[in-house]
Protein backbone atom coordinates (compact mmCIF):
# COMPACT_ATOMS: atom_id res chain seq x y z
CA MET A 1 -27.71 -2.21 12.88
CA LYS A 2 -26.98 -2.37 16.50
CA LYS A 3 -23.14 -1.85 15.93
CA VAL A 4 -24.19 1.73 14.18
CA PHE A 5 -27.31 2.53 16.42
CA PHE A 6 -25.69 1.86 19.73
CA MET A 7 -23.43 4.97 19.09
CA PHE A 8 -26.70 7.16 18.69
CA PHE A 9 -27.21 6.96 22.60
CA LEU A 10 -23.91 8.79 23.24
CA SER A 11 -23.83 12.71 23.40
CA SER A 12 -24.48 14.06 20.16
CA ALA A 13 -21.76 16.49 21.09
CA PHE A 14 -19.25 13.61 19.79
CA ILE A 15 -17.39 14.66 16.89
CA TYR A 16 -15.63 12.22 14.39
CA SER A 17 -12.77 13.95 12.92
CA GLN A 18 -11.11 12.89 9.57
CA GLU A 19 -7.50 13.16 9.85
CA SER A 20 -5.85 14.68 6.98
CA SER A 21 -2.86 12.07 6.75
CA LYS A 22 -3.83 9.43 4.45
CA THR A 23 -3.77 5.74 6.18
CA TYR A 24 -3.53 4.31 2.65
CA THR A 25 -3.04 4.06 -1.02
CA VAL A 26 -4.97 2.64 -3.61
CA LEU A 27 -3.11 0.27 -5.54
CA LYS A 28 -5.67 -0.88 -8.03
CA LYS A 29 -9.59 -0.96 -8.76
CA ILE A 30 -11.22 -4.04 -10.10
CA GLY A 31 -15.06 -3.60 -10.62
CA GLU A 32 -16.28 -2.05 -7.15
CA ILE A 33 -13.59 -3.05 -5.02
CA GLU A 34 -10.18 -1.26 -4.30
CA ILE A 35 -6.93 -3.02 -3.72
CA ARG A 36 -5.41 -0.60 -1.13
CA GLU A 37 -1.86 -0.54 0.81
CA TYR A 38 -2.11 0.55 4.29
CA LYS A 39 0.69 2.00 6.48
CA GLN A 40 1.47 0.74 9.89
CA LEU A 41 -1.39 2.00 12.45
CA LEU A 42 -1.94 2.07 16.28
CA TYR A 43 -5.21 1.26 17.54
CA ALA A 44 -7.04 1.37 21.05
CA SER A 45 -9.05 -1.86 20.96
CA TYR A 46 -11.57 -3.47 23.04
CA LEU A 47 -13.30 -6.99 22.71
CA ASP A 48 -16.51 -7.22 24.90
CA ASP A 49 -16.43 -10.14 27.15
CA ASP A 50 -20.32 -11.03 26.44
CA PRO A 51 -20.84 -9.95 22.38
CA THR A 52 -24.12 -11.55 22.57
CA GLU A 53 -25.40 -8.84 25.07
CA GLU A 54 -27.14 -5.88 22.90
CA SER A 55 -25.38 -3.19 24.46
CA SER A 56 -22.94 -0.06 23.64
CA SER A 57 -20.21 -1.18 26.10
CA SER A 58 -17.49 -1.50 23.20
CA PHE A 59 -18.12 1.88 22.08
CA ARG A 60 -18.66 3.55 25.28
CA ILE A 61 -15.28 1.95 27.08
CA LEU A 62 -13.05 3.04 23.91
CA ALA A 63 -14.75 6.44 23.78
CA ASN A 64 -13.93 7.14 27.84
CA TYR A 65 -10.27 6.22 26.97
CA ILE A 66 -10.08 8.98 24.05
CA PHE A 67 -12.03 11.30 26.14
CA GLY A 68 -9.43 11.25 28.95
CA TYR A 69 -9.94 8.30 31.11
CA ASN A 70 -6.49 7.10 30.59
CA LYS A 71 -3.35 7.60 32.89
CA LYS A 72 -2.57 10.98 31.37
CA ASN A 73 -5.89 12.32 31.53
CA GLU A 74 -5.29 13.58 28.05
CA GLU A 75 -8.02 13.86 25.37
CA ILE A 76 -7.27 12.06 22.20
CA SER A 77 -9.00 13.31 18.62
CA MET A 78 -11.42 10.74 17.49
CA THR A 79 -10.48 9.43 13.94
CA SER A 80 -12.33 7.74 11.14
CA PRO A 81 -13.28 5.11 10.50
CA VAL A 82 -14.20 2.99 13.60
CA VAL A 83 -12.94 -0.44 12.87
CA ILE A 84 -15.05 -3.66 13.77
CA ARG A 85 -13.61 -6.91 13.23
CA LEU A 86 -16.26 -9.31 12.42
CA PHE A 87 -14.32 -12.33 12.69
CA ASN A 88 -13.36 -11.43 16.18
CA ASN A 89 -16.57 -11.18 18.05
CA ASN A 90 -17.22 -7.62 16.68
CA GLU A 91 -13.72 -6.33 18.62
CA MET A 92 -13.90 -2.49 18.21
CA LEU A 93 -10.95 -0.39 17.09
CA PHE A 94 -10.25 3.32 17.32
CA ARG A 95 -7.42 4.33 15.18
CA MET A 96 -4.95 6.68 17.36
CA PRO A 97 -3.82 9.93 15.60
CA ASP A 98 -0.42 9.74 13.91
CA LYS A 99 1.49 11.74 16.42
CA TYR A 100 1.07 9.04 18.83
CA THR A 101 3.67 6.02 19.07
CA PHE A 102 3.63 3.35 21.82
CA LYS A 103 6.11 5.61 23.46
CA ASN A 104 3.87 8.65 23.85
CA ILE A 105 0.28 7.39 23.76
CA PRO A 106 -1.54 7.82 27.03
CA GLN A 107 -1.96 4.27 28.83
CA PRO A 108 -5.52 2.97 29.43
CA ILE A 109 -6.64 2.78 32.87
CA ASN A 110 -9.04 0.25 31.85
CA GLU A 111 -6.94 -2.88 31.40
CA ASP A 112 -9.53 -4.32 28.65
CA VAL A 113 -8.59 -1.50 26.54
CA LYS A 114 -5.28 -2.58 24.60
CA LEU A 115 -3.01 -0.59 22.31
CA ILE A 116 -2.11 -2.50 19.13
CA LYS A 117 -0.09 -1.92 16.01
CA THR A 118 -1.08 -3.31 12.89
CA GLU A 119 1.75 -3.67 10.27
CA ALA A 120 1.64 -2.40 6.46
CA VAL A 121 -0.67 -4.55 4.72
CA LYS A 122 -2.62 -4.98 1.45
CA LYS A 123 -6.34 -4.90 1.91
CA ALA A 124 -9.33 -5.54 -0.61
CA VAL A 125 -12.43 -2.98 0.42
CA ILE A 126 -15.76 -2.60 -0.98
CA GLN A 127 -17.97 0.63 -0.01
CA TYR A 128 -21.56 0.73 0.39
CA ALA A 129 -23.65 3.76 1.85
CA GLY A 130 -26.35 3.95 4.49
CA TYR A 131 -26.62 2.18 7.92
CA SER A 132 -25.06 -1.11 8.21
CA ASN A 133 -26.34 -4.40 9.63
CA ALA A 134 -25.50 -8.01 9.61
CA MET A 135 -27.53 -9.04 6.62
CA ILE A 136 -25.96 -5.95 4.55
CA GLU A 137 -22.49 -6.91 5.82
CA LYS A 138 -22.99 -10.66 4.62
CA GLN A 139 -24.04 -9.42 1.29
CA LYS A 140 -21.12 -7.28 0.88
CA ILE A 141 -18.62 -9.92 2.21
CA LYS A 142 -20.20 -12.26 -0.55
CA GLU A 143 -19.49 -9.56 -3.32
CA LEU A 144 -16.20 -8.74 -2.35
CA SER A 145 -15.08 -12.59 -1.96
CA THR A 146 -16.75 -13.15 -5.37
CA ILE A 147 -14.65 -10.48 -7.03
CA LEU A 148 -11.58 -11.64 -5.15
CA ASP A 149 -12.12 -15.21 -6.12
CA GLU A 150 -13.12 -14.60 -9.90
CA ASN A 151 -9.31 -12.55 -10.11
CA ASN A 152 -7.70 -15.40 -8.32
CA ILE A 153 -6.64 -13.02 -5.41
CA ARG A 154 -6.19 -14.83 -2.09
CA TYR A 155 -7.43 -13.49 1.16
CA ASN A 156 -7.52 -14.39 4.81
CA ASN A 157 -11.25 -14.37 5.53
CA GLU A 158 -10.85 -12.03 8.37
CA PHE A 159 -13.49 -9.57 7.53
CA GLU A 160 -13.73 -5.93 8.88
CA LEU A 161 -16.40 -3.38 8.98
CA PHE A 162 -15.26 0.16 8.60
CA VAL A 163 -18.03 2.96 9.80
CA TYR A 164 -16.86 6.33 8.89
CA ASP A 165 -19.89 8.56 9.99
CA PRO A 166 -21.44 9.27 13.46
CA PRO A 167 -24.78 7.70 14.08
CA TYR A 168 -26.56 11.01 14.16
CA LYS A 169 -25.28 11.75 10.30
CA PHE A 170 -28.58 10.40 8.24
CA PHE A 171 -27.51 11.14 4.56
CA ASN A 172 -24.36 9.93 2.46
CA ARG A 173 -23.20 7.62 5.08
CA LYS A 174 -20.08 5.54 4.19
CA ASN A 175 -19.28 1.93 5.17
CA GLU A 176 -16.74 -0.48 3.98
CA ILE A 177 -16.08 -4.03 4.23
CA SER A 178 -12.27 -4.98 3.88
CA VAL A 179 -10.30 -8.36 4.45
CA ASN A 180 -6.71 -8.53 4.34
CA LEU A 181 -4.70 -10.14 1.40
CA ASP A 182 -2.20 -12.91 1.31
């Protein structure tokens, strides 16, 4: 729960916006999972040096970047979902709006905020509701892995958590666990 609840302590004026452009196409559904093809995407990323510490530093640092703590003092719209790379010490990523490229994106002032581009990729995704926590994430990873294994679909074991809603939204919350397909 710490991944989601730490966001609760930030200003409730913080707004998540769902960009109108689709970042993926659904290729196939197998039971509860979707096989999706994602386009190339640009992210701001932060990896906390001390992931054992219970803190909101990852979210706060990335939020500072999009709120204008960058070399252009430019505010950047918050997009959804927030990506948490479970396989990489809960590295957090904010997707940048489509209007940005490496050439026109405001450069971070904080050297620990990295701008990364992901290549087009196929992912398997399983959705669930409510607040997320480590126990639920492990259960959903197991469900997703079981379905993929039963269907002889190869994947890379690098699972990610997608959090779609702000922490102050209590009902109809949407989360997903994803993994890249080989």
